[in-house]
Amino acid sequence: MQRTSLSTHALVEFLKANRFQYFDVSLLLHHGLLATHTISFRKTHIWDEGIDNSTLKWLRDEFLEHYENAVWVIN
């Protein structure tokens, strides 16, 4: 199975191109650990459900700022 690594900006562009679809993506943490998020771009917001089952509604710029230096992995 091939994995694709994306910056947060690239992830947002990918989500925008695939609006209204949900994707399981993993946030790459220290030491290679992954934290899975189910994420979607709907209209003007990013919907982000984390591993704790809490769902956050982000504006695009808020998401970009919060995860500024993050690396995401898509299977």
C-alpha atoms as a PDB file:
ATOM      1  CA  MET A   1       0.000   0.000   0.000  1.00  0.00           C
ATOM      2  CA  GLN A   2       1.474   3.340  -1.043  1.00  0.00           C
ATOM      3  CA  ARG A   3       1.323   6.330   1.274  1.00  0.00           C
ATOM      4  CA  THR A   4       1.366   9.943   0.183  1.00  0.00           C
ATOM      5  CA  SER A   5       2.743  12.645   2.491  1.00  0.00           C
ATOM      6  CA  LEU A   6       1.304  16.149   2.235  1.00  0.00           C
ATOM      7  CA  SER A   7       1.880  19.484   3.903  1.00  0.00           C
ATOM      8  CA  THR A   8      -1.162  21.084   5.519  1.00  0.00           C
ATOM      9  CA  HIS A   9      -1.495  23.500   2.605  1.00  0.00           C
ATOM     10  CA  ALA A  10      -1.389  20.632   0.083  1.00  0.00           C
ATOM     11  CA  LEU A  11      -3.947  18.699   2.155  1.00  0.00           C
ATOM     12  CA  VAL A  12      -6.347  21.666   2.102  1.00  0.00           C
ATOM     13  CA  GLU A  13      -5.969  21.982  -1.678  1.00  0.00           C
ATOM     14  CA  PHE A  14      -6.631  18.230  -2.034  1.00  0.00           C
ATOM     15  CA  LEU A  15      -9.749  18.527   0.150  1.00  0.00           C
ATOM     16  CA  LYS A  16     -10.999  21.535  -1.820  1.00  0.00           C
ATOM     17  CA  ALA A  17     -10.631  19.576  -5.059  1.00  0.00           C
ATOM     18  CA  ASN A  18     -12.622  16.712  -3.505  1.00  0.00           C
ATOM     19  CA  ARG A  19     -15.327  18.662  -1.672  1.00  0.00           C
ATOM     20  CA  PHE A  20     -17.989  16.794   0.276  1.00  0.00           C
ATOM     21  CA  GLN A  21     -15.928  13.601   0.410  1.00  0.00           C
ATOM     22  CA  TYR A  22     -14.540  12.263   3.670  1.00  0.00           C
ATOM     23  CA  PHE A  23     -10.974  11.046   3.908  1.00  0.00           C
ATOM     24  CA  ASP A  24      -9.094   9.204   6.623  1.00  0.00           C
ATOM     25  CA  VAL A  25      -5.774  10.994   6.902  1.00  0.00           C
ATOM     26  CA  SER A  26      -3.086  10.641   9.514  1.00  0.00           C
ATOM     27  CA  LEU A  27      -1.213  13.425  11.235  1.00  0.00           C
ATOM     28  CA  LEU A  28       2.452  12.455  11.472  1.00  0.00           C
ATOM     29  CA  LEU A  29       3.585  12.909  15.062  1.00  0.00           C
ATOM     30  CA  HIS A  30       7.014  12.620  16.649  1.00  0.00           C
ATOM     31  CA  HIS A  31       8.837   9.291  16.367  1.00  0.00           C
ATOM     32  CA  GLY A  32       6.686   8.212  13.408  1.00  0.00           C
ATOM     33  CA  LEU A  33       3.439   7.887  15.337  1.00  0.00           C
ATOM     34  CA  LEU A  34       0.261   8.616  13.398  1.00  0.00           C
ATOM     35  CA  ALA A  35      -2.985  10.174  14.653  1.00  0.00           C
ATOM     36  CA  THR A  36      -5.885   9.442  12.322  1.00  0.00           C
ATOM     37  CA  HIS A  37      -8.417  12.135  11.433  1.00  0.00           C
ATOM     38  CA  THR A  38     -11.540  11.821   9.323  1.00  0.00           C
ATOM     39  CA  ILE A  39     -11.656  15.058   7.403  1.00  0.00           C
ATOM     40  CA  SER A  40     -13.773  16.811   4.780  1.00  0.00           C
ATOM     41  CA  PHE A  41     -14.071  20.229   3.147  1.00  0.00           C
ATOM     42  CA  ARG A  42     -17.667  21.434   2.970  1.00  0.00           C
ATOM     43  CA  LYS A  43     -18.514  24.821   1.492  1.00  0.00           C
ATOM     44  CA  THR A  44     -16.294  27.147   3.564  1.00  0.00           C
ATOM     45  CA  HIS A  45     -15.294  24.902   6.484  1.00  0.00           C
ATOM     46  CA  ILE A  46     -13.103  21.909   7.145  1.00  0.00           C
ATOM     47  CA  TRP A  47     -14.742  19.247   9.293  1.00  0.00           C
ATOM     48  CA  ASP A  48     -12.147  17.357  11.335  1.00  0.00           C
ATOM     49  CA  GLU A  49     -12.944  14.342  13.508  1.00  0.00           C
ATOM     50  CA  GLY A  50      -9.964  13.255  15.570  1.00  0.00           C
ATOM     51  CA  ILE A  51      -9.085   9.992  17.264  1.00  0.00           C
ATOM     52  CA  ASP A  52     -11.004  11.137  20.351  1.00  0.00           C
ATOM     53  CA  ASN A  53     -14.248  11.316  18.290  1.00  0.00           C
ATOM     54  CA  SER A  54     -14.537  15.065  18.788  1.00  0.00           C
ATOM     55  CA  THR A  55     -15.440  16.966  15.640  1.00  0.00           C
ATOM     56  CA  LEU A  56     -14.017  20.410  14.974  1.00  0.00           C
ATOM     57  CA  LYS A  57     -15.270  22.882  12.404  1.00  0.00           C
ATOM     58  CA  TRP A  58     -12.380  24.973  11.076  1.00  0.00           C
ATOM     59  CA  LEU A  59     -12.179  27.917   8.760  1.00  0.00           C
ATOM     60  CA  ARG A  60      -9.504  27.251   6.133  1.00  0.00           C
ATOM     61  CA  ASP A  61      -7.074  29.827   7.529  1.00  0.00           C
ATOM     62  CA  GLU A  62      -7.558  28.624  11.120  1.00  0.00           C
ATOM     63  CA  PHE A  63      -6.754  25.057  10.071  1.00  0.00           C
ATOM     64  CA  LEU A  64      -3.679  26.192   8.138  1.00  0.00           C
ATOM     65  CA  GLU A  65      -2.427  28.188  11.112  1.00  0.00           C
ATOM     66  CA  HIS A  66      -3.097  25.468  13.689  1.00  0.00           C
ATOM     67  CA  TYR A  67      -1.349  22.758  11.643  1.00  0.00           C
ATOM     68  CA  GLU A  68       1.191  25.089  10.017  1.00  0.00           C
ATOM     69  CA  ASN A  69       4.173  22.717  10.138  1.00  0.00           C
ATOM     70  CA  ALA A  70       2.296  19.424  10.112  1.00  0.00           C
ATOM     71  CA  VAL A  71       2.789  16.525   7.747  1.00  0.00           C
ATOM     72  CA  TRP A  72      -0.229  14.428   6.779  1.00  0.00           C
ATOM     73  CA  VAL A  73      -0.253  10.890   5.411  1.00  0.00           C
ATOM     74  CA  ILE A  74      -2.927   9.541   3.069  1.00  0.00           C
ATOM     75  CA  ASN A  75      -3.013   5.832   2.299  1.00  0.00           C
END
